[in-house]
Amino acid sequence: MTATTYIRLEKLRFRAFHGVMEQERRVGGDYELTLRIGYPWQAAMESDDVGDTLDYSAVYAAVVREMVLPSRLLEHVAGRIANRLLATFPHITSVDLWLTKLCPPMGADSDGAGVELHLINDKTD
């Protein structure tokens, strides 16, 4: 059987200090992150062993390490998160990432502004 398999973490919420404006980096803002990570977890379907899949808590810990580092641009944060995930978990085949700044300072009534990133790991075995 051939399958495309993903691990998903939905709407992770963070208080972080990203933004172009000094005030954003000083007082912080609320962010939401969703990940869809390509990962070969077919063996876990048979084994029922966490060692055969991608540990959600380890992924979350890697994301937290990047979200706590202030950046001016969400693009920079998204790139750092994706790069850390690929470096930490070499069997990842792809990363789809949606990072949203809730209540961005742009004078609009909205659910947020953000970035979307799709990376393919061409270095997987």
PDB file of N, CA and C in Angstrom:
ATOM      1  N   MET A   1       0.840  -1.169   0.000  1.00  0.00           N
ATOM      2  CA  MET A   1       0.000   0.000   0.000  1.00  0.00           C
ATOM      3  C   MET A   1       0.893   1.243   0.000  1.00  0.00           C
ATOM      4  N   THR A   2       0.563   2.208  -0.829  1.00  0.00           N
ATOM      5  CA  THR A   2       1.251   3.491  -0.847  1.00  0.00           C
ATOM      6  C   THR A   2       0.288   4.541  -0.315  1.00  0.00           C
ATOM      7  N   ALA A   3       0.788   5.377   0.572  1.00  0.00           N
ATOM      8  CA  ALA A   3      -0.066   6.412   1.167  1.00  0.00           C
ATOM      9  C   ALA A   3       0.737   7.682   1.373  1.00  0.00           C
ATOM     10  N   THR A   4       0.046   8.804   1.324  1.00  0.00           N
ATOM     11  CA  THR A   4       0.613  10.080   1.739  1.00  0.00           C
ATOM     12  C   THR A   4       0.049  10.356   3.118  1.00  0.00           C
ATOM     13  N   THR A   5       0.924  10.557   4.088  1.00  0.00           N
ATOM     14  CA  THR A   5       0.474  10.691   5.472  1.00  0.00           C
ATOM     15  C   THR A   5       0.971  12.005   6.067  1.00  0.00           C
ATOM     16  N   TYR A   6       0.160  12.560   6.943  1.00  0.00           N
ATOM     17  CA  TYR A   6       0.465  13.857   7.561  1.00  0.00           C
ATOM     18  C   TYR A   6       0.178  13.809   9.053  1.00  0.00           C
ATOM     19  N   ILE A   7       0.900  14.620   9.782  1.00  0.00           N
ATOM     20  CA  ILE A   7       0.627  14.923  11.183  1.00  0.00           C
ATOM     21  C   ILE A   7       0.129  16.368  11.185  1.00  0.00           C
ATOM     22  N   ARG A   8      -0.940  16.659  11.930  1.00  0.00           N
ATOM     23  CA  ARG A   8      -1.489  18.022  11.969  1.00  0.00           C
ATOM     24  C   ARG A   8      -1.534  18.546  13.398  1.00  0.00           C
ATOM     25  N   LEU A   9      -1.147  19.780  13.562  1.00  0.00           N
ATOM     26  CA  LEU A   9      -1.324  20.509  14.813  1.00  0.00           C
ATOM     27  C   LEU A   9      -2.128  21.754  14.455  1.00  0.00           C
ATOM     28  N   GLU A  10      -3.300  21.870  15.024  1.00  0.00           N
ATOM     29  CA  GLU A  10      -4.267  22.893  14.634  1.00  0.00           C
ATOM     30  C   GLU A  10      -4.327  24.051  15.626  1.00  0.00           C
ATOM     31  N   LYS A  11      -4.230  25.240  15.107  1.00  0.00           N
ATOM     32  CA  LYS A  11      -4.492  26.466  15.860  1.00  0.00           C
ATOM     33  C   LYS A  11      -3.756  26.546  17.196  1.00  0.00           C
ATOM     34  N   LEU A  12      -2.453  26.295  17.158  1.00  0.00           N
ATOM     35  CA  LEU A  12      -1.626  26.489  18.350  1.00  0.00           C
ATOM     36  C   LEU A  12      -1.600  27.987  18.652  1.00  0.00           C
ATOM     37  N   ARG A  13      -1.791  28.354  19.897  1.00  0.00           N
ATOM     38  CA  ARG A  13      -1.867  29.765  20.270  1.00  0.00           C
ATOM     39  C   ARG A  13      -0.617  30.180  21.049  1.00  0.00           C
ATOM     40  N   PHE A  14      -0.128  31.368  20.700  1.00  0.00           N
ATOM     41  CA  PHE A  14       1.085  31.900  21.326  1.00  0.00           C
ATOM     42  C   PHE A  14       0.921  33.382  21.633  1.00  0.00           C
ATOM     43  N   ARG A  15       1.588  33.815  22.661  1.00  0.00           N
ATOM     44  CA  ARG A  15       1.822  35.233  22.917  1.00  0.00           C
ATOM     45  C   ARG A  15       3.284  35.427  22.564  1.00  0.00           C
ATOM     46  N   ALA A  16       3.562  36.309  21.589  1.00  0.00           N
ATOM     47  CA  ALA A  16       4.938  36.463  21.116  1.00  0.00           C
ATOM     48  C   ALA A  16       5.206  37.933  20.784  1.00  0.00           C
ATOM     49  N   PHE A  17       6.451  38.219  20.467  1.00  0.00           N
ATOM     50  CA  PHE A  17       6.902  39.600  20.323  1.00  0.00           C
ATOM     51  C   PHE A  17       7.491  39.852  18.943  1.00  0.00           C
ATOM     52  N   HIS A  18       6.678  39.604  17.920  1.00  0.00           N
ATOM     53  CA  HIS A  18       7.088  39.811  16.537  1.00  0.00           C
ATOM     54  C   HIS A  18       6.409  41.061  15.997  1.00  0.00           C
ATOM     55  N   GLY A  19       7.084  41.746  15.084  1.00  0.00           N
ATOM     56  CA  GLY A  19       6.462  42.881  14.427  1.00  0.00           C
ATOM     57  C   GLY A  19       7.473  43.896  13.950  1.00  0.00           C
ATOM     58  N   VAL A  20       7.076  44.639  12.952  1.00  0.00           N
ATOM     59  CA  VAL A  20       7.921  45.682  12.398  1.00  0.00           C
ATOM     60  C   VAL A  20       7.984  46.865  13.364  1.00  0.00           C
ATOM     61  N   MET A  21       6.862  47.168  13.992  1.00  0.00           N
ATOM     62  CA  MET A  21       6.820  48.321  14.894  1.00  0.00           C
ATOM     63  C   MET A  21       7.411  47.962  16.256  1.00  0.00           C
ATOM     64  N   GLU A  22       8.166  48.904  16.799  1.00  0.00           N
ATOM     65  CA  GLU A  22       8.801  48.720  18.111  1.00  0.00           C
ATOM     66  C   GLU A  22       7.781  48.313  19.172  1.00  0.00           C
ATOM     67  N   GLN A  23       6.625  48.949  19.149  1.00  0.00           N
ATOM     68  CA  GLN A  23       5.573  48.673  20.133  1.00  0.00           C
ATOM     69  C   GLN A  23       5.157  47.198  20.102  1.00  0.00           C
ATOM     70  N   GLU A  24       5.054  46.615  18.921  1.00  0.00           N
ATOM     71  CA  GLU A  24       4.683  45.198  18.795  1.00  0.00           C
ATOM     72  C   GLU A  24       5.712  44.299  19.466  1.00  0.00           C
ATOM     73  N   ARG A  25       6.968  44.638  19.294  1.00  0.00           N
ATOM     74  CA  ARG A  25       8.031  43.826  19.885  1.00  0.00           C
ATOM     75  C   ARG A  25       8.141  44.045  21.393  1.00  0.00           C
ATOM     76  N   ARG A  26       7.637  45.176  21.883  1.00  0.00           N
ATOM     77  CA  ARG A  26       7.702  45.466  23.308  1.00  0.00           C
ATOM     78  C   ARG A  26       6.522  44.857  24.061  1.00  0.00           C
ATOM     79  N   VAL A  27       5.289  45.044  23.564  1.00  0.00           N
ATOM     80  CA  VAL A  27       4.114  44.572  24.307  1.00  0.00           C
ATOM     81  C   VAL A  27       3.641  43.187  23.851  1.00  0.00           C
ATOM     82  N   GLY A  28       4.042  42.778  22.672  1.00  0.00           N
ATOM     83  CA  GLY A  28       3.656  41.458  22.179  1.00  0.00           C
ATOM     84  C   GLY A  28       2.273  41.431  21.564  1.00  0.00           C
ATOM     85  N   GLY A  29       1.962  40.298  21.008  1.00  0.00           N
ATOM     86  CA  GLY A  29       0.670  40.083  20.375  1.00  0.00           C
ATOM     87  C   GLY A  29       0.320  38.610  20.394  1.00  0.00           C
ATOM     88  N   ASP A  30      -0.890  38.335  19.958  1.00  0.00           N
ATOM     89  CA  ASP A  30      -1.375  36.954  19.927  1.00  0.00           C
ATOM     90  C   ASP A  30      -1.239  36.388  18.518  1.00  0.00           C
ATOM     91  N   TYR A  31      -0.819  35.133  18.460  1.00  0.00           N
ATOM     92  CA  TYR A  31      -0.556  34.453  17.189  1.00  0.00           C
ATOM     93  C   TYR A  31      -1.206  33.082  17.203  1.00  0.00           C
ATOM     94  N   GLU A  32      -1.506  32.614  16.006  1.00  0.00           N
ATOM     95  CA  GLU A  32      -2.073  31.280  15.846  1.00  0.00           C
ATOM     96  C   GLU A  32      -1.284  30.568  14.750  1.00  0.00           C
ATOM     97  N   LEU A  33      -0.943  29.317  15.008  1.00  0.00           N
ATOM     98  CA  LEU A  33      -0.125  28.541  14.073  1.00  0.00           C
ATOM     99  C   LEU A  33      -0.783  27.192  13.822  1.00  0.00           C
ATOM    100  N   THR A  34      -0.904  26.836  12.553  1.00  0.00           N
ATOM    101  CA  THR A  34      -1.365  25.512  12.159  1.00  0.00           C
ATOM    102  C   THR A  34      -0.282  24.869  11.304  1.00  0.00           C
ATOM    103  N   LEU A  35      -0.015  23.599  11.570  1.00  0.00           N
ATOM    104  CA  LEU A  35       0.989  22.835  10.826  1.00  0.00           C
ATOM    105  C   LEU A  35       0.369  21.587  10.230  1.00  0.00           C
ATOM    106  N   ARG A  36       0.769  21.272   9.020  1.00  0.00           N
ATOM    107  CA  ARG A  36       0.495  19.968   8.415  1.00  0.00           C
ATOM    108  C   ARG A  36       1.853  19.467   7.952  1.00  0.00           C
ATOM    109  N   ILE A  37       2.299  18.384   8.583  1.00  0.00           N
ATOM    110  CA  ILE A  37       3.648  17.882   8.355  1.00  0.00           C
ATOM    111  C   ILE A  37       3.573  16.516   7.688  1.00  0.00           C
ATOM    112  N   GLY A  38       4.158  16.411   6.515  1.00  0.00           N
ATOM    113  CA  GLY A  38       4.258  15.120   5.837  1.00  0.00           C
ATOM    114  C   GLY A  38       5.257  14.252   6.576  1.00  0.00           C
ATOM    115  N   TYR A  39       4.806  13.062   6.930  1.00  0.00           N
ATOM    116  CA  TYR A  39       5.664  12.169   7.705  1.00  0.00           C
ATOM    117  C   TYR A  39       5.229  10.727   7.450  1.00  0.00           C
ATOM    118  N   PRO A  40       6.173   9.825   7.236  1.00  0.00           N
ATOM    119  CA  PRO A  40       5.823   8.430   6.943  1.00  0.00           C
ATOM    120  C   PRO A  40       5.427   7.652   8.200  1.00  0.00           C
ATOM    121  N   TRP A  41       4.162   7.719   8.558  1.00  0.00           N
ATOM    122  CA  TRP A  41       3.728   7.015   9.774  1.00  0.00           C
ATOM    123  C   TRP A  41       2.960   5.726   9.485  1.00  0.00           C
ATOM    124  N   GLN A  42       3.152   5.162   8.297  1.00  0.00           N
ATOM    125  CA  GLN A  42       2.485   3.903   7.965  1.00  0.00           C
ATOM    126  C   GLN A  42       2.822   2.787   8.952  1.00  0.00           C
ATOM    127  N   ALA A  43       4.058   2.725   9.430  1.00  0.00           N
ATOM    128  CA  ALA A  43       4.436   1.678  10.381  1.00  0.00           C
ATOM    129  C   ALA A  43       3.631   1.794  11.670  1.00  0.00           C
ATOM    130  N   ALA A  44       3.307   3.010  12.089  1.00  0.00           N
ATOM    131  CA  ALA A  44       2.528   3.227  13.314  1.00  0.00           C
ATOM    132  C   ALA A  44       1.107   2.683  13.181  1.00  0.00           C
ATOM    133  N   MET A  45       0.589   2.615  11.963  1.00  0.00           N
ATOM    134  CA  MET A  45      -0.753   2.051  11.752  1.00  0.00           C
ATOM    135  C   MET A  45      -0.784   0.587  12.166  1.00  0.00           C
ATOM    136  N   GLU A  46       0.331  -0.084  12.023  1.00  0.00           N
ATOM    137  CA  GLU A  46       0.429  -1.501  12.387  1.00  0.00           C
ATOM    138  C   GLU A  46       0.931  -1.711  13.816  1.00  0.00           C
ATOM    139  N   SER A  47       1.939  -0.924  14.204  1.00  0.00           N
ATOM    140  CA  SER A  47       2.626  -1.192  15.463  1.00  0.00           C
ATOM    141  C   SER A  47       1.953  -0.594  16.698  1.00  0.00           C
ATOM    142  N   ASP A  48       1.218   0.505  16.524  1.00  0.00           N
ATOM    143  CA  ASP A  48       0.633   1.240  17.655  1.00  0.00           C
ATOM    144  C   ASP A  48       1.722   1.714  18.607  1.00  0.00           C
ATOM    145  N   ASP A  49       2.898   2.049  18.059  1.00  0.00           N
ATOM    146  CA  ASP A  49       4.067   2.461  18.843  1.00  0.00           C
ATOM    147  C   ASP A  49       4.417   3.902  18.471  1.00  0.00           C
ATOM    148  N   VAL A  50       4.514   4.775  19.484  1.00  0.00           N
ATOM    149  CA  VAL A  50       4.829   6.185  19.244  1.00  0.00           C
ATOM    150  C   VAL A  50       6.189   6.349  18.569  1.00  0.00           C
ATOM    151  N   GLY A  51       7.078   5.394  18.726  1.00  0.00           N
ATOM    152  CA  GLY A  51       8.384   5.448  18.076  1.00  0.00           C
ATOM    153  C   GLY A  51       8.309   5.356  16.562  1.00  0.00           C
ATOM    154  N   ASP A  52       7.165   4.930  16.041  1.00  0.00           N
ATOM    155  CA  ASP A  52       6.990   4.800  14.598  1.00  0.00           C
ATOM    156  C   ASP A  52       6.289   6.002  13.974  1.00  0.00           C
ATOM    157  N   THR A  53       6.137   7.068  14.746  1.00  0.00           N
ATOM    158  CA  THR A  53       5.481   8.256  14.213  1.00  0.00           C
ATOM    159  C   THR A  53       6.206   9.503  14.701  1.00  0.00           C
ATOM    160  N   LEU A  54       5.652  10.649  14.428  1.00  0.00           N
ATOM    161  CA  LEU A  54       6.226  11.923  14.841  1.00  0.00           C
ATOM    162  C   LEU A  54       5.532  12.362  16.124  1.00  0.00           C
ATOM    163  N   ASP A  55       6.299  12.575  17.178  1.00  0.00           N
ATOM    164  CA  ASP A  55       5.775  12.922  18.493  1.00  0.00           C
ATOM    165  C   ASP A  55       5.286  14.375  18.484  1.00  0.00           C
ATOM    166  N   TYR A  56       3.982  14.572  18.671  1.00  0.00           N
ATOM    167  CA  TYR A  56       3.398  15.921  18.672  1.00  0.00           C
ATOM    168  C   TYR A  56       4.080  16.842  19.673  1.00  0.00           C
ATOM    169  N   SER A  57       4.372  16.322  20.860  1.00  0.00           N
ATOM    170  CA  SER A  57       4.962  17.178  21.899  1.00  0.00           C
ATOM    171  C   SER A  57       6.363  17.631  21.510  1.00  0.00           C
ATOM    172  N   ALA A  58       7.112  16.801  20.829  1.00  0.00           N
ATOM    173  CA  ALA A  58       8.449  17.193  20.373  1.00  0.00           C
ATOM    174  C   ALA A  58       8.354  18.255  19.273  1.00  0.00           C
ATOM    175  N   VAL A  59       7.371  18.121  18.394  1.00  0.00           N
ATOM    176  CA  VAL A  59       7.147  19.135  17.361  1.00  0.00           C
ATOM    177  C   VAL A  59       6.783  20.462  18.019  1.00  0.00           C
ATOM    178  N   TYR A  60       5.859  20.412  18.972  1.00  0.00           N
ATOM    179  CA  TYR A  60       5.434  21.621  19.671  1.00  0.00           C
ATOM    180  C   TYR A  60       6.620  22.294  20.370  1.00  0.00           C
ATOM    181  N   ALA A  61       7.462  21.517  21.027  1.00  0.00           N
ATOM    182  CA  ALA A  61       8.634  22.073  21.712  1.00  0.00           C
ATOM    183  C   ALA A  61       9.568  22.781  20.725  1.00  0.00           C
ATOM    184  N   ALA A  62       9.741  22.211  19.542  1.00  0.00           N
ATOM    185  CA  ALA A  62      10.579  22.842  18.520  1.00  0.00           C
ATOM    186  C   ALA A  62       9.968  24.160  18.055  1.00  0.00           C
ATOM    187  N   VAL A  63       8.664  24.201  17.902  1.00  0.00           N
ATOM    188  CA  VAL A  63       7.970  25.425  17.489  1.00  0.00           C
ATOM    189  C   VAL A  63       8.110  26.507  18.559  1.00  0.00           C
ATOM    190  N   VAL A  64       7.927  26.134  19.808  1.00  0.00           N
ATOM    191  CA  VAL A  64       8.027  27.095  20.916  1.00  0.00           C
ATOM    192  C   VAL A  64       9.406  27.757  20.918  1.00  0.00           C
ATOM    193  N   ARG A  65      10.451  26.980  20.679  1.00  0.00           N
ATOM    194  CA  ARG A  65      11.812  27.533  20.683  1.00  0.00           C
ATOM    195  C   ARG A  65      11.971  28.647  19.648  1.00  0.00           C
ATOM    196  N   GLU A  66      11.234  28.584  18.552  1.00  0.00           N
ATOM    197  CA  GLU A  66      11.305  29.640  17.537  1.00  0.00           C
ATOM    198  C   GLU A  66      10.333  30.784  17.820  1.00  0.00           C
ATOM    199  N   MET A  67       9.161  30.474  18.337  1.00  0.00           N
ATOM    200  CA  MET A  67       8.168  31.527  18.592  1.00  0.00           C
ATOM    201  C   MET A  67       8.626  32.494  19.680  1.00  0.00           C
ATOM    202  N   VAL A  68       9.464  32.051  20.612  1.00  0.00           N
ATOM    203  CA  VAL A  68       9.911  32.944  21.685  1.00  0.00           C
ATOM    204  C   VAL A  68      11.006  33.911  21.236  1.00  0.00           C
ATOM    205  N   LEU A  69      11.586  33.691  20.065  1.00  0.00           N
ATOM    206  CA  LEU A  69      12.623  34.588  19.549  1.00  0.00           C
ATOM    207  C   LEU A  69      11.967  35.698  18.730  1.00  0.00           C
ATOM    208  N   PRO A  70      12.046  36.953  19.170  1.00  0.00           N
ATOM    209  CA  PRO A  70      11.395  38.046  18.433  1.00  0.00           C
ATOM    210  C   PRO A  70      11.966  38.207  17.029  1.00  0.00           C
ATOM    211  N   SER A  71      11.062  38.519  16.095  1.00  0.00           N
ATOM    212  CA  SER A  71      11.436  38.815  14.712  1.00  0.00           C
ATOM    213  C   SER A  71      10.576  39.974  14.222  1.00  0.00           C
ATOM    214  N   ARG A  72      11.067  40.647  13.227  1.00  0.00           N
ATOM    215  CA  ARG A  72      10.282  41.729  12.627  1.00  0.00           C
ATOM    216  C   ARG A  72       9.194  41.172  11.708  1.00  0.00           C
ATOM    217  N   LEU A  73       9.514  40.119  10.960  1.00  0.00           N
ATOM    218  CA  LEU A  73       8.603  39.625   9.922  1.00  0.00           C
ATOM    219  C   LEU A  73       8.089  38.222  10.233  1.00  0.00           C
ATOM    220  N   LEU A  74       6.813  37.990   9.955  1.00  0.00           N
ATOM    221  CA  LEU A  74       6.243  36.648  10.103  1.00  0.00           C
ATOM    222  C   LEU A  74       6.898  35.677   9.131  1.00  0.00           C
ATOM    223  N   GLU A  75       7.306  36.168   7.977  1.00  0.00           N
ATOM    224  CA  GLU A  75       8.000  35.322   7.005  1.00  0.00           C
ATOM    225  C   GLU A  75       9.267  34.733   7.620  1.00  0.00           C
ATOM    226  N   HIS A  76       9.961  35.550   8.400  1.00  0.00           N
ATOM    227  CA  HIS A  76      11.186  35.097   9.058  1.00  0.00           C
ATOM    228  C   HIS A  76      10.881  34.034  10.110  1.00  0.00           C
ATOM    229  N   VAL A  77       9.843  34.270  10.898  1.00  0.00           N
ATOM    230  CA  VAL A  77       9.440  33.304  11.927  1.00  0.00           C
ATOM    231  C   VAL A  77       9.038  31.983  11.268  1.00  0.00           C
ATOM    232  N   ALA A  78       8.215  32.053  10.234  1.00  0.00           N
ATOM    233  CA  ALA A  78       7.755  30.846   9.534  1.00  0.00           C
ATOM    234  C   ALA A  78       8.940  30.059   8.972  1.00  0.00           C
ATOM    235  N   GLY A  79       9.886  30.758   8.371  1.00  0.00           N
ATOM    236  CA  GLY A  79      11.070  30.091   7.821  1.00  0.00           C
ATOM    237  C   GLY A  79      11.909  29.424   8.895  1.00  0.00           C
ATOM    238  N   ARG A  80      12.063  30.104  10.038  1.00  0.00           N
ATOM    239  CA  ARG A  80      12.820  29.508  11.143  1.00  0.00           C
ATOM    240  C   ARG A  80      12.141  28.260  11.676  1.00  0.00           C
ATOM    241  N   ILE A  81      10.819  28.322  11.833  1.00  0.00           N
ATOM    242  CA  ILE A  81      10.082  27.147  12.328  1.00  0.00           C
ATOM    243  C   ILE A  81      10.258  25.977  11.372  1.00  0.00           C
ATOM    244  N   ALA A  82      10.042  26.209  10.085  1.00  0.00           N
ATOM    245  CA  ALA A  82      10.162  25.130   9.097  1.00  0.00           C
ATOM    246  C   ALA A  82      11.581  24.564   9.085  1.00  0.00           C
ATOM    247  N   ASN A  83      12.575  25.425   9.106  1.00  0.00           N
ATOM    248  CA  ASN A  83      13.965  24.949   9.090  1.00  0.00           C
ATOM    249  C   ASN A  83      14.299  24.141  10.334  1.00  0.00           C
ATOM    250  N   ARG A  84      13.815  24.580  11.497  1.00  0.00           N
ATOM    251  CA  ARG A  84      14.070  23.819  12.729  1.00  0.00           C
ATOM    252  C   ARG A  84      13.410  22.438  12.655  1.00  0.00           C
ATOM    253  N   LEU A  85      12.170  22.394  12.167  1.00  0.00           N
ATOM    254  CA  LEU A  85      11.476  21.110  12.064  1.00  0.00           C
ATOM    255  C   LEU A  85      12.219  20.160  11.132  1.00  0.00           C
ATOM    256  N   LEU A  86      12.643  20.661   9.983  1.00  0.00           N
ATOM    257  CA  LEU A  86      13.365  19.810   9.027  1.00  0.00           C
ATOM    258  C   LEU A  86      14.710  19.347   9.595  1.00  0.00           C
ATOM    259  N   ALA A  87      15.391  20.208  10.338  1.00  0.00           N
ATOM    260  CA  ALA A  87      16.676  19.832  10.920  1.00  0.00           C
ATOM    261  C   ALA A  87      16.512  18.851  12.077  1.00  0.00           C
ATOM    262  N   THR A  88      15.448  19.014  12.847  1.00  0.00           N
ATOM    263  CA  THR A  88      15.234  18.175  14.031  1.00  0.00           C
ATOM    264  C   THR A  88      14.656  16.815  13.687  1.00  0.00           C
ATOM    265  N   PHE A  89      13.809  16.779  12.670  1.00  0.00           N
ATOM    266  CA  PHE A  89      13.105  15.550  12.293  1.00  0.00           C
ATOM    267  C   PHE A  89      13.383  15.257  10.821  1.00  0.00           C
ATOM    268  N   PRO A  90      14.494  14.596  10.513  1.00  0.00           N
ATOM    269  CA  PRO A  90      14.927  14.421   9.121  1.00  0.00           C
ATOM    270  C   PRO A  90      13.986  13.592   8.248  1.00  0.00           C
ATOM    271  N   HIS A  91      13.056  12.850   8.844  1.00  0.00           N
ATOM    272  CA  HIS A  91      12.138  12.045   8.026  1.00  0.00           C
ATOM    273  C   HIS A  91      10.909  12.831   7.568  1.00  0.00           C
ATOM    274  N   ILE A  92      10.802  14.095   7.976  1.00  0.00           N
ATOM    275  CA  ILE A  92       9.702  14.937   7.486  1.00  0.00           C
ATOM    276  C   ILE A  92       9.835  15.069   5.978  1.00  0.00           C
ATOM    277  N   THR A  93       8.724  14.858   5.270  1.00  0.00           N
ATOM    278  CA  THR A  93       8.735  14.973   3.815  1.00  0.00           C
ATOM    279  C   THR A  93       8.234  16.329   3.327  1.00  0.00           C
ATOM    280  N   SER A  94       7.419  16.989   4.138  1.00  0.00           N
ATOM    281  CA  SER A  94       6.925  18.313   3.762  1.00  0.00           C
ATOM    282  C   SER A  94       6.426  19.050   5.002  1.00  0.00           C
ATOM    283  N   VAL A  95       6.382  20.374   4.887  1.00  0.00           N
ATOM    284  CA  VAL A  95       5.834  21.216   5.946  1.00  0.00           C
ATOM    285  C   VAL A  95       4.895  22.225   5.304  1.00  0.00           C
ATOM    286  N   ASP A  96       3.653  22.214   5.745  1.00  0.00           N
ATOM    287  CA  ASP A  96       2.689  23.261   5.410  1.00  0.00           C
ATOM    288  C   ASP A  96       2.437  24.008   6.708  1.00  0.00           C
ATOM    289  N   LEU A  97       2.583  25.319   6.662  1.00  0.00           N
ATOM    290  CA  LEU A  97       2.532  26.128   7.865  1.00  0.00           C
ATOM    291  C   LEU A  97       1.691  27.366   7.608  1.00  0.00           C
ATOM    292  N   TRP A  98       0.788  27.656   8.526  1.00  0.00           N
ATOM    293  CA  TRP A  98      -0.025  28.866   8.473  1.00  0.00           C
ATOM    294  C   TRP A  98       0.206  29.610   9.782  1.00  0.00           C
ATOM    295  N   LEU A  99       0.777  30.808   9.713  1.00  0.00           N
ATOM    296  CA  LEU A  99       1.053  31.620  10.889  1.00  0.00           C
ATOM    297  C   LEU A  99       0.275  32.924  10.769  1.00  0.00           C
ATOM    298  N   THR A 100      -0.572  33.192  11.757  1.00  0.00           N
ATOM    299  CA  THR A 100      -1.456  34.351  11.716  1.00  0.00           C
ATOM    300  C   THR A 100      -1.230  35.235  12.930  1.00  0.00           C
ATOM    301  N   LYS A 101      -1.069  36.525  12.672  1.00  0.00           N
ATOM    302  CA  LYS A 101      -1.034  37.527  13.745  1.00  0.00           C
ATOM    303  C   LYS A 101      -2.477  37.957  13.961  1.00  0.00           C
ATOM    304  N   LEU A 102      -2.996  37.675  15.150  1.00  0.00           N
ATOM    305  CA  LEU A 102      -4.360  38.061  15.479  1.00  0.00           C
ATOM    306  C   LEU A 102      -4.360  39.545  15.851  1.00  0.00           C
ATOM    307  N   CYS A 103      -5.364  40.265  15.438  1.00  0.00           N
ATOM    308  CA  CYS A 103      -5.468  41.714  15.726  1.00  0.00           C
ATOM    309  C   CYS A 103      -4.236  42.491  15.268  1.00  0.00           C
ATOM    310  N   PRO A 104      -3.848  42.389  14.003  1.00  0.00           N
ATOM    311  CA  PRO A 104      -2.671  43.123  13.536  1.00  0.00           C
ATOM    312  C   PRO A 104      -2.950  44.626  13.516  1.00  0.00           C
ATOM    313  N   PRO A 105      -1.904  45.439  13.729  1.00  0.00           N
ATOM    314  CA  PRO A 105      -2.090  46.886  13.760  1.00  0.00           C
ATOM    315  C   PRO A 105      -2.178  47.481  12.353  1.00  0.00           C
ATOM    316  N   MET A 106      -3.318  47.265  11.701  1.00  0.00           N
ATOM    317  CA  MET A 106      -3.473  47.790  10.346  1.00  0.00           C
ATOM    318  C   MET A 106      -4.776  48.570  10.175  1.00  0.00           C
ATOM    319  N   GLY A 107      -5.502  48.781  11.268  1.00  0.00           N
ATOM    320  CA  GLY A 107      -6.710  49.591  11.201  1.00  0.00           C
ATOM    321  C   GLY A 107      -7.900  48.906  10.572  1.00  0.00           C
ATOM    322  N   ALA A 108      -7.903  47.591  10.539  1.00  0.00           N
ATOM    323  CA  ALA A 108      -9.008  46.853   9.934  1.00  0.00           C
ATOM    324  C   ALA A 108      -9.623  45.907  10.956  1.00  0.00           C
ATOM    325  N   ASP A 109     -10.916  45.668  10.810  1.00  0.00           N
ATOM    326  CA  ASP A 109     -11.595  44.669  11.614  1.00  0.00           C
ATOM    327  C   ASP A 109     -11.407  43.338  10.882  1.00  0.00           C
ATOM    328  N   SER A 110     -10.576  42.449  11.441  1.00  0.00           N
ATOM    329  CA  SER A 110     -10.269  41.196  10.747  1.00  0.00           C
ATOM    330  C   SER A 110      -9.957  40.102  11.764  1.00  0.00           C
ATOM    331  N   ASP A 111      -9.870  38.893  11.268  1.00  0.00           N
ATOM    332  CA  ASP A 111      -9.463  37.764  12.098  1.00  0.00           C
ATOM    333  C   ASP A 111      -7.951  37.642  12.185  1.00  0.00           C
ATOM    334  N   GLY A 112      -7.238  38.423  11.392  1.00  0.00           N
ATOM    335  CA  GLY A 112      -5.790  38.395  11.453  1.00  0.00           C
ATOM    336  C   GLY A 112      -5.154  38.554  10.090  1.00  0.00           C
ATOM    337  N   ALA A 113      -3.840  38.631  10.111  1.00  0.00           N
ATOM    338  CA  ALA A 113      -3.028  38.695   8.896  1.00  0.00           C
ATOM    339  C   ALA A 113      -1.884  37.715   9.082  1.00  0.00           C
ATOM    340  N   GLY A 114      -1.508  37.049   8.004  1.00  0.00           N
ATOM    341  CA  GLY A 114      -0.464  36.060   8.199  1.00  0.00           C
ATOM    342  C   GLY A 114       0.201  35.598   6.936  1.00  0.00           C
ATOM    343  N   VAL A 115       0.953  34.524   7.099  1.00  0.00           N
ATOM    344  CA  VAL A 115       1.703  33.935   5.999  1.00  0.00           C
ATOM    345  C   VAL A 115       1.406  32.433   5.921  1.00  0.00           C
ATOM    346  N   GLU A 116       1.587  31.914   4.740  1.00  0.00           N
ATOM    347  CA  GLU A 116       1.420  30.481   4.488  1.00  0.00           C
ATOM    348  C   GLU A 116       2.681  30.001   3.787  1.00  0.00           C
ATOM    349  N   LEU A 117       3.193  28.866   4.244  1.00  0.00           N
ATOM    350  CA  LEU A 117       4.433  28.332   3.707  1.00  0.00           C
ATOM    351  C   LEU A 117       4.245  26.858   3.370  1.00  0.00           C
ATOM    352  N   HIS A 118       4.751  26.447   2.215  1.00  0.00           N
ATOM    353  CA  HIS A 118       4.732  25.028   1.833  1.00  0.00           C
ATOM    354  C   HIS A 118       6.143  24.659   1.389  1.00  0.00           C
ATOM    355  N   LEU A 119       6.761  23.727   2.112  1.00  0.00           N
ATOM    356  CA  LEU A 119       8.108  23.262   1.792  1.00  0.00           C
ATOM    357  C   LEU A 119       8.097  21.765   1.544  1.00  0.00           C
ATOM    358  N   ILE A 120       8.857  21.329   0.564  1.00  0.00           N
ATOM    359  CA  ILE A 120       9.070  19.905   0.292  1.00  0.00           C
ATOM    360  C   ILE A 120      10.511  19.591   0.670  1.00  0.00           C
ATOM    361  N   ASN A 121      10.690  18.560   1.480  1.00  0.00           N
ATOM    362  CA  ASN A 121      12.044  18.143   1.861  1.00  0.00           C
ATOM    363  C   ASN A 121      12.553  17.157   0.826  1.00  0.00           C
ATOM    364  N   ASP A 122      13.404  17.633  -0.049  1.00  0.00           N
ATOM    365  CA  ASP A 122      13.948  16.747  -1.091  1.00  0.00           C
ATOM    366  C   ASP A 122      15.175  15.971  -0.603  1.00  0.00           C
ATOM    367  N   LYS A 123      15.451  16.056   0.702  1.00  0.00           N
ATOM    368  CA  LYS A 123      16.591  15.329   1.268  1.00  0.00           C
ATOM    369  C   LYS A 123      16.163  14.096   2.083  1.00  0.00           C
ATOM    370  N   THR A 124      14.855  13.762   2.064  1.00  0.00           N
ATOM    371  CA  THR A 124      14.416  12.569   2.790  1.00  0.00           C
ATOM    372  C   THR A 124      14.893  11.331   2.050  1.00  0.00           C
ATOM    373  N   ASP A 125      15.013  10.233   2.818  1.00  0.00           N
ATOM    374  CA  ASP A 125      15.493   9.004   2.177  1.00  0.00           C
ATOM    375  C   ASP A 125      14.474   8.393   1.288  1.00  0.00           C
TER     376      ASP A 125
END
